[in-house]
Amino acid sequence: FTSGDMAKAEVEYLNVLKIEPNNGLAIGRLGLIYSEQGRVGRAVAYLMKGHELLPENLDLRIKLGQLYLATGRTKEAVDEINYVLDRRPDDPEAPLMLAGTSTKPEESAAVRQRLQSLPAPANTGAPVLVALATLDLAQQRVNEAEAHLQQALAADPKFAAAYTVMASVRMFRKDAAAADQAYKRAAELSPVRSTRRPDSPGTGRP
């Protein structure tokens, strides 16, 4: 699993469950594997069971939050995200996920306050700055979004999400060439199965 060989890891974790059906680690890891592979039906079942057995596992909570967001269960997603941020304020995904839950000005203001109130240095790290840029862009505050992105890239030049949001800024400014370069850079810096990669493999399996 840690080496990235998910096919072999899946086989071994399934073997574990034949011996110990309620092994939380094996169930949770299978949920993460199926989530990365896009096998949503299996992912949900294993993540939910893994979460039940290992309620303190933050990686499982993040994946559950992503699934809740994808299915419109915003309140449940926010609960999972905030649980993670309370315990791992420097999480690379939670701030952006939280920014994605706001659709109204008052919600955006609450999310902004929540992110900015995280303990240092998390509140000035790339994930938070990119999340703030996302909130700015949603309100068409393009200059503020660009400033936050520049700060994010200064903090972490290899933070892929910063380039994705930067591409949106470039498109807003009608600079298609610069947007394309930003998208390409985001893809280069993203894991193989990331949605930021156009060549991300999808199994299509349930």
C-alpha atoms as a PDB file:
ATOM      1  CA  PHE A   1       0.000   0.000   0.000  1.00  0.00           C
ATOM      2  CA  THR A   2       2.685   2.507   0.992  1.00  0.00           C
ATOM      3  CA  SER A   3       4.709   1.680  -2.134  1.00  0.00           C
ATOM      4  CA  GLY A   4       1.706   2.447  -4.332  1.00  0.00           C
ATOM      5  CA  ASP A   5       1.106  -1.094  -5.594  1.00  0.00           C
ATOM      6  CA  MET A   6      -2.630  -1.001  -5.016  1.00  0.00           C
ATOM      7  CA  ALA A   7      -3.419  -4.198  -6.929  1.00  0.00           C
ATOM      8  CA  LYS A   8      -1.202  -6.316  -4.682  1.00  0.00           C
ATOM      9  CA  ALA A   9      -2.308  -4.413  -1.585  1.00  0.00           C
ATOM     10  CA  GLU A  10      -5.950  -5.140  -2.419  1.00  0.00           C
ATOM     11  CA  VAL A  11      -5.256  -8.877  -2.649  1.00  0.00           C
ATOM     12  CA  GLU A  12      -3.374  -8.943   0.660  1.00  0.00           C
ATOM     13  CA  TYR A  13      -5.984  -6.897   2.538  1.00  0.00           C
ATOM     14  CA  LEU A  14      -8.745  -9.170   1.221  1.00  0.00           C
ATOM     15  CA  ASN A  15      -6.706 -12.150   2.467  1.00  0.00           C
ATOM     16  CA  VAL A  16      -6.503 -10.496   5.886  1.00  0.00           C
ATOM     17  CA  LEU A  17     -10.299 -10.170   5.967  1.00  0.00           C
ATOM     18  CA  LYS A  18     -10.714 -13.885   5.312  1.00  0.00           C
ATOM     19  CA  ILE A  19      -8.889 -14.493   8.592  1.00  0.00           C
ATOM     20  CA  GLU A  20     -10.062 -11.442  10.526  1.00  0.00           C
ATOM     21  CA  PRO A  21     -13.300 -10.031   9.001  1.00  0.00           C
ATOM     22  CA  ASN A  22     -13.396  -6.955  11.234  1.00  0.00           C
ATOM     23  CA  ASN A  23      -9.799  -5.819  10.798  1.00  0.00           C
ATOM     24  CA  GLY A  24     -10.259  -2.055  10.713  1.00  0.00           C
ATOM     25  CA  LEU A  25      -6.941  -1.289   9.051  1.00  0.00           C
ATOM     26  CA  ALA A  26      -7.578  -3.704   6.165  1.00  0.00           C
ATOM     27  CA  ILE A  27     -11.152  -2.486   5.681  1.00  0.00           C
ATOM     28  CA  GLY A  28     -10.150   1.168   5.782  1.00  0.00           C
ATOM     29  CA  ARG A  29      -7.225   0.686   3.394  1.00  0.00           C
ATOM     30  CA  LEU A  30      -9.486  -1.144   0.944  1.00  0.00           C
ATOM     31  CA  GLY A  31     -11.852   1.819   1.126  1.00  0.00           C
ATOM     32  CA  LEU A  32      -8.991   4.160   0.238  1.00  0.00           C
ATOM     33  CA  ILE A  33      -7.876   1.879  -2.598  1.00  0.00           C
ATOM     34  CA  TYR A  34     -11.351   1.639  -4.102  1.00  0.00           C
ATOM     35  CA  SER A  35     -11.815   5.384  -3.750  1.00  0.00           C
ATOM     36  CA  GLU A  36      -8.611   6.063  -5.681  1.00  0.00           C
ATOM     37  CA  GLN A  37      -9.661   3.573  -8.339  1.00  0.00           C
ATOM     38  CA  GLY A  38     -13.035   5.228  -8.774  1.00  0.00           C
ATOM     39  CA  ARG A  39     -14.917   2.137  -7.598  1.00  0.00           C
ATOM     40  CA  VAL A  40     -17.391   4.263  -5.674  1.00  0.00           C
ATOM     41  CA  GLY A  41     -19.847   1.541  -4.670  1.00  0.00           C
ATOM     42  CA  ARG A  42     -17.158  -0.519  -2.986  1.00  0.00           C
ATOM     43  CA  ALA A  43     -15.390   2.560  -1.626  1.00  0.00           C
ATOM     44  CA  VAL A  44     -18.447   3.805   0.251  1.00  0.00           C
ATOM     45  CA  ALA A  45     -19.100   0.441   1.901  1.00  0.00           C
ATOM     46  CA  TYR A  46     -15.520  -0.071   3.019  1.00  0.00           C
ATOM     47  CA  LEU A  47     -14.966   3.539   4.085  1.00  0.00           C
ATOM     48  CA  MET A  48     -18.109   3.555   6.188  1.00  0.00           C
ATOM     49  CA  LYS A  49     -17.177   0.288   7.874  1.00  0.00           C
ATOM     50  CA  GLY A  50     -13.581   1.423   8.344  1.00  0.00           C
ATOM     51  CA  HIS A  51     -14.797   4.663   9.875  1.00  0.00           C
ATOM     52  CA  GLU A  52     -17.014   2.707  12.253  1.00  0.00           C
ATOM     53  CA  LEU A  53     -14.085   0.562  13.397  1.00  0.00           C
ATOM     54  CA  LEU A  54     -11.445   3.332  13.366  1.00  0.00           C
ATOM     55  CA  PRO A  55     -13.259   6.605  14.151  1.00  0.00           C
ATOM     56  CA  GLU A  56      -9.976   8.446  14.799  1.00  0.00           C
ATOM     57  CA  ASN A  57      -8.511   7.647  11.363  1.00  0.00           C
ATOM     58  CA  LEU A  58      -8.308  11.045   9.668  1.00  0.00           C
ATOM     59  CA  ASP A  59      -7.519   9.716   6.196  1.00  0.00           C
ATOM     60  CA  LEU A  60     -10.788   7.797   6.187  1.00  0.00           C
ATOM     61  CA  ARG A  61     -12.666  10.884   7.331  1.00  0.00           C
ATOM     62  CA  ILE A  62     -11.169  12.957   4.495  1.00  0.00           C
ATOM     63  CA  LYS A  63     -12.221  10.385   1.895  1.00  0.00           C
ATOM     64  CA  LEU A  64     -15.682  10.194   3.412  1.00  0.00           C
ATOM     65  CA  GLY A  65     -15.884  13.977   3.294  1.00  0.00           C
ATOM     66  CA  GLN A  66     -15.026  13.904  -0.403  1.00  0.00           C
ATOM     67  CA  LEU A  67     -17.745  11.349  -1.079  1.00  0.00           C
ATOM     68  CA  TYR A  68     -20.269  13.368   0.916  1.00  0.00           C
ATOM     69  CA  LEU A  69     -19.403  16.468  -1.118  1.00  0.00           C
ATOM     70  CA  ALA A  70     -19.729  14.568  -4.377  1.00  0.00           C
ATOM     71  CA  THR A  71     -23.196  13.340  -3.400  1.00  0.00           C
ATOM     72  CA  GLY A  72     -24.482  16.665  -2.076  1.00  0.00           C
ATOM     73  CA  ARG A  73     -24.356  15.761   1.608  1.00  0.00           C
ATOM     74  CA  THR A  74     -22.739  19.057   2.549  1.00  0.00           C
ATOM     75  CA  LYS A  75     -23.466  19.015   6.268  1.00  0.00           C
ATOM     76  CA  GLU A  76     -21.892  15.585   6.716  1.00  0.00           C
ATOM     77  CA  ALA A  77     -18.916  16.698   4.634  1.00  0.00           C
ATOM     78  CA  VAL A  78     -18.398  19.802   6.775  1.00  0.00           C
ATOM     79  CA  ASP A  79     -18.550  17.716   9.941  1.00  0.00           C
ATOM     80  CA  GLU A  80     -15.822  15.390   8.651  1.00  0.00           C
ATOM     81  CA  ILE A  81     -13.642  18.264   7.398  1.00  0.00           C
ATOM     82  CA  ASN A  82     -13.858  20.181  10.666  1.00  0.00           C
ATOM     83  CA  TYR A  83     -13.058  17.027  12.638  1.00  0.00           C
ATOM     84  CA  VAL A  84      -9.874  16.651  10.588  1.00  0.00           C
ATOM     85  CA  LEU A  85      -8.913  20.337  10.814  1.00  0.00           C
ATOM     86  CA  ASP A  86      -9.312  20.273  14.608  1.00  0.00           C
ATOM     87  CA  ARG A  87      -6.771  17.455  14.812  1.00  0.00           C
ATOM     88  CA  ARG A  88      -4.625  18.009  11.706  1.00  0.00           C
ATOM     89  CA  PRO A  89      -4.797  21.728  10.827  1.00  0.00           C
ATOM     90  CA  ASP A  90      -2.066  21.370   8.196  1.00  0.00           C
ATOM     91  CA  ASP A  91      -4.009  18.751   6.225  1.00  0.00           C
ATOM     92  CA  PRO A  92      -3.365  19.391   2.503  1.00  0.00           C
ATOM     93  CA  GLU A  93      -6.931  18.643   1.360  1.00  0.00           C
ATOM     94  CA  ALA A  94      -9.309  19.749   4.116  1.00  0.00           C
ATOM     95  CA  PRO A  95      -9.070  23.547   3.574  1.00  0.00           C
ATOM     96  CA  LEU A  96      -9.917  23.285  -0.126  1.00  0.00           C
ATOM     97  CA  MET A  97     -12.740  20.885   0.622  1.00  0.00           C
ATOM     98  CA  LEU A  98     -14.142  23.303   3.183  1.00  0.00           C
ATOM     99  CA  ALA A  99     -13.975  26.156   0.671  1.00  0.00           C
ATOM    100  CA  GLY A 100     -15.961  23.985  -1.713  1.00  0.00           C
ATOM    101  CA  THR A 101     -18.856  23.689   0.738  1.00  0.00           C
ATOM    102  CA  SER A 102     -19.754  27.405   0.677  1.00  0.00           C
ATOM    103  CA  THR A 103     -22.345  28.677  -1.800  1.00  0.00           C
ATOM    104  CA  LYS A 104     -23.626  31.807  -0.064  1.00  0.00           C
ATOM    105  CA  PRO A 105     -21.737  34.973   1.020  1.00  0.00           C
ATOM    106  CA  GLU A 106     -22.380  34.287   4.696  1.00  0.00           C
ATOM    107  CA  GLU A 107     -21.093  30.733   4.298  1.00  0.00           C
ATOM    108  CA  SER A 108     -17.966  31.992   2.543  1.00  0.00           C
ATOM    109  CA  ALA A 109     -17.348  34.468   5.342  1.00  0.00           C
ATOM    110  CA  ALA A 110     -17.672  31.718   7.947  1.00  0.00           C
ATOM    111  CA  VAL A 111     -15.294  29.432   6.041  1.00  0.00           C
ATOM    112  CA  ARG A 112     -12.785  32.256   5.627  1.00  0.00           C
ATOM    113  CA  GLN A 113     -12.861  32.982   9.347  1.00  0.00           C
ATOM    114  CA  ARG A 114     -12.493  29.291  10.156  1.00  0.00           C
ATOM    115  CA  LEU A 115      -9.429  28.918   7.922  1.00  0.00           C
ATOM    116  CA  GLN A 116      -7.767  32.090   9.111  1.00  0.00           C
ATOM    117  CA  SER A 117      -8.288  31.065  12.748  1.00  0.00           C
ATOM    118  CA  LEU A 118      -6.347  27.819  12.324  1.00  0.00           C
ATOM    119  CA  PRO A 119      -3.153  27.729  14.399  1.00  0.00           C
ATOM    120  CA  ALA A 120       0.099  28.887  12.840  1.00  0.00           C
ATOM    121  CA  PRO A 121       1.786  27.911  10.626  1.00  0.00           C
ATOM    122  CA  ALA A 122      -1.195  26.086   9.079  1.00  0.00           C
ATOM    123  CA  ASN A 123      -3.165  29.313   8.614  1.00  0.00           C
ATOM    124  CA  THR A 124      -0.482  30.685   6.278  1.00  0.00           C
ATOM    125  CA  GLY A 125       0.319  27.414   4.507  1.00  0.00           C
ATOM    126  CA  ALA A 126      -0.348  26.694   0.850  1.00  0.00           C
ATOM    127  CA  PRO A 127      -3.583  24.678   1.396  1.00  0.00           C
ATOM    128  CA  VAL A 128      -5.242  27.495   3.360  1.00  0.00           C
ATOM    129  CA  LEU A 129      -4.013  30.191   0.981  1.00  0.00           C
ATOM    130  CA  VAL A 130      -5.335  28.319  -2.045  1.00  0.00           C
ATOM    131  CA  ALA A 131      -8.653  27.787  -0.266  1.00  0.00           C
ATOM    132  CA  LEU A 132      -8.839  31.527   0.408  1.00  0.00           C
ATOM    133  CA  ALA A 133      -8.069  32.174  -3.262  1.00  0.00           C
ATOM    134  CA  THR A 134     -10.954  29.869  -4.197  1.00  0.00           C
ATOM    135  CA  LEU A 135     -13.300  31.866  -1.989  1.00  0.00           C
ATOM    136  CA  ASP A 136     -11.987  35.112  -3.529  1.00  0.00           C
ATOM    137  CA  LEU A 137     -12.513  33.865  -7.059  1.00  0.00           C
ATOM    138  CA  ALA A 138     -16.064  32.755  -6.312  1.00  0.00           C
ATOM    139  CA  GLN A 139     -16.769  36.365  -5.356  1.00  0.00           C
ATOM    140  CA  GLN A 140     -14.938  37.639  -8.479  1.00  0.00           C
ATOM    141  CA  ARG A 141     -12.208  39.186  -6.350  1.00  0.00           C
ATOM    142  CA  VAL A 142      -9.595  38.242  -8.907  1.00  0.00           C
ATOM    143  CA  ASN A 143      -6.748  40.415  -7.650  1.00  0.00           C
ATOM    144  CA  GLU A 144      -7.126  39.068  -4.121  1.00  0.00           C
ATOM    145  CA  ALA A 145      -7.273  35.504  -5.441  1.00  0.00           C
ATOM    146  CA  GLU A 146      -4.086  35.997  -7.427  1.00  0.00           C
ATOM    147  CA  ALA A 147      -2.309  37.501  -4.428  1.00  0.00           C
ATOM    148  CA  HIS A 148      -3.241  34.522  -2.257  1.00  0.00           C
ATOM    149  CA  LEU A 149      -2.038  32.128  -4.964  1.00  0.00           C
ATOM    150  CA  GLN A 150       1.299  33.881  -5.247  1.00  0.00           C
ATOM    151  CA  GLN A 151       1.714  33.552  -1.486  1.00  0.00           C
ATOM    152  CA  ALA A 152       0.746  29.882  -1.691  1.00  0.00           C
ATOM    153  CA  LEU A 153       3.321  29.156  -4.388  1.00  0.00           C
ATOM    154  CA  ALA A 154       5.964  30.999  -2.399  1.00  0.00           C
ATOM    155  CA  ALA A 155       5.132  28.728   0.544  1.00  0.00           C
ATOM    156  CA  ASP A 156       5.050  25.557  -1.584  1.00  0.00           C
ATOM    157  CA  PRO A 157       5.971  25.805  -5.298  1.00  0.00           C
ATOM    158  CA  LYS A 158       4.863  22.205  -5.856  1.00  0.00           C
ATOM    159  CA  PHE A 159       1.352  22.474  -4.445  1.00  0.00           C
ATOM    160  CA  ALA A 160      -0.661  21.280  -7.448  1.00  0.00           C
ATOM    161  CA  ALA A 161      -3.999  22.777  -6.414  1.00  0.00           C
ATOM    162  CA  ALA A 162      -2.497  26.265  -6.556  1.00  0.00           C
ATOM    163  CA  TYR A 163      -1.887  25.874 -10.279  1.00  0.00           C
ATOM    164  CA  THR A 164      -5.414  24.606 -10.864  1.00  0.00           C
ATOM    165  CA  VAL A 165      -6.920  27.680  -9.243  1.00  0.00           C
ATOM    166  CA  MET A 166      -4.344  29.882 -10.974  1.00  0.00           C
ATOM    167  CA  ALA A 167      -5.590  28.471 -14.281  1.00  0.00           C
ATOM    168  CA  SER A 168      -9.081  29.649 -13.354  1.00  0.00           C
ATOM    169  CA  VAL A 169      -7.696  33.108 -12.625  1.00  0.00           C
ATOM    170  CA  ARG A 170      -5.985  33.158 -16.040  1.00  0.00           C
ATOM    171  CA  MET A 171      -9.203  32.087 -17.736  1.00  0.00           C
ATOM    172  CA  PHE A 172     -11.060  34.836 -15.903  1.00  0.00           C
ATOM    173  CA  ARG A 173      -8.519  37.255 -17.376  1.00  0.00           C
ATOM    174  CA  LYS A 174      -9.069  35.626 -20.805  1.00  0.00           C
ATOM    175  CA  ASP A 175      -5.467  34.426 -21.014  1.00  0.00           C
ATOM    176  CA  ALA A 176      -6.055  30.934 -22.399  1.00  0.00           C
ATOM    177  CA  ALA A 177      -2.380  30.197 -23.065  1.00  0.00           C
ATOM    178  CA  ALA A 178      -1.363  30.970 -19.476  1.00  0.00           C
ATOM    179  CA  ALA A 179      -4.337  28.957 -18.176  1.00  0.00           C
ATOM    180  CA  ASP A 180      -3.252  25.970 -20.253  1.00  0.00           C
ATOM    181  CA  GLN A 181       0.262  26.154 -18.836  1.00  0.00           C
ATOM    182  CA  ALA A 182      -1.110  26.306 -15.302  1.00  0.00           C
ATOM    183  CA  TYR A 183      -3.323  23.261 -15.932  1.00  0.00           C
ATOM    184  CA  LYS A 184      -0.353  21.347 -17.329  1.00  0.00           C
ATOM    185  CA  ARG A 185       1.770  22.225 -14.309  1.00  0.00           C
ATOM    186  CA  ALA A 186      -1.023  21.085 -11.966  1.00  0.00           C
ATOM    187  CA  ALA A 187      -1.192  17.761 -13.819  1.00  0.00           C
ATOM    188  CA  GLU A 188       2.576  17.282 -13.660  1.00  0.00           C
ATOM    189  CA  LEU A 189       2.575  17.749  -9.899  1.00  0.00           C
ATOM    190  CA  SER A 190      -0.456  15.556  -9.177  1.00  0.00           C
ATOM    191  CA  PRO A 191      -0.535  11.839  -8.331  1.00  0.00           C
ATOM    192  CA  VAL A 192      -1.271   9.408 -11.142  1.00  0.00           C
ATOM    193  CA  ARG A 193      -4.933   8.940 -10.234  1.00  0.00           C
ATOM    194  CA  SER A 194      -5.635  12.576  -9.461  1.00  0.00           C
ATOM    195  CA  THR A 195      -8.562  14.236 -11.217  1.00  0.00           C
ATOM    196  CA  ARG A 196      -6.118  16.983 -12.174  1.00  0.00           C
ATOM    197  CA  ARG A 197      -4.434  14.584 -14.585  1.00  0.00           C
ATOM    198  CA  PRO A 198      -6.147  14.130 -17.974  1.00  0.00           C
ATOM    199  CA  ASP A 199      -4.593  10.676 -18.233  1.00  0.00           C
ATOM    200  CA  SER A 200      -5.881   9.546 -14.838  1.00  0.00           C
ATOM    201  CA  PRO A 201      -6.929   5.908 -15.242  1.00  0.00           C
ATOM    202  CA  GLY A 202     -10.504   4.945 -14.428  1.00  0.00           C
ATOM    203  CA  THR A 203     -11.416   1.341 -14.036  1.00  0.00           C
ATOM    204  CA  GLY A 204     -15.137   1.764 -14.503  1.00  0.00           C
ATOM    205  CA  ARG A 205     -15.632  -1.077 -12.057  1.00  0.00           C
ATOM    206  CA  PRO A 206     -18.304  -0.952  -9.328  1.00  0.00           C
END
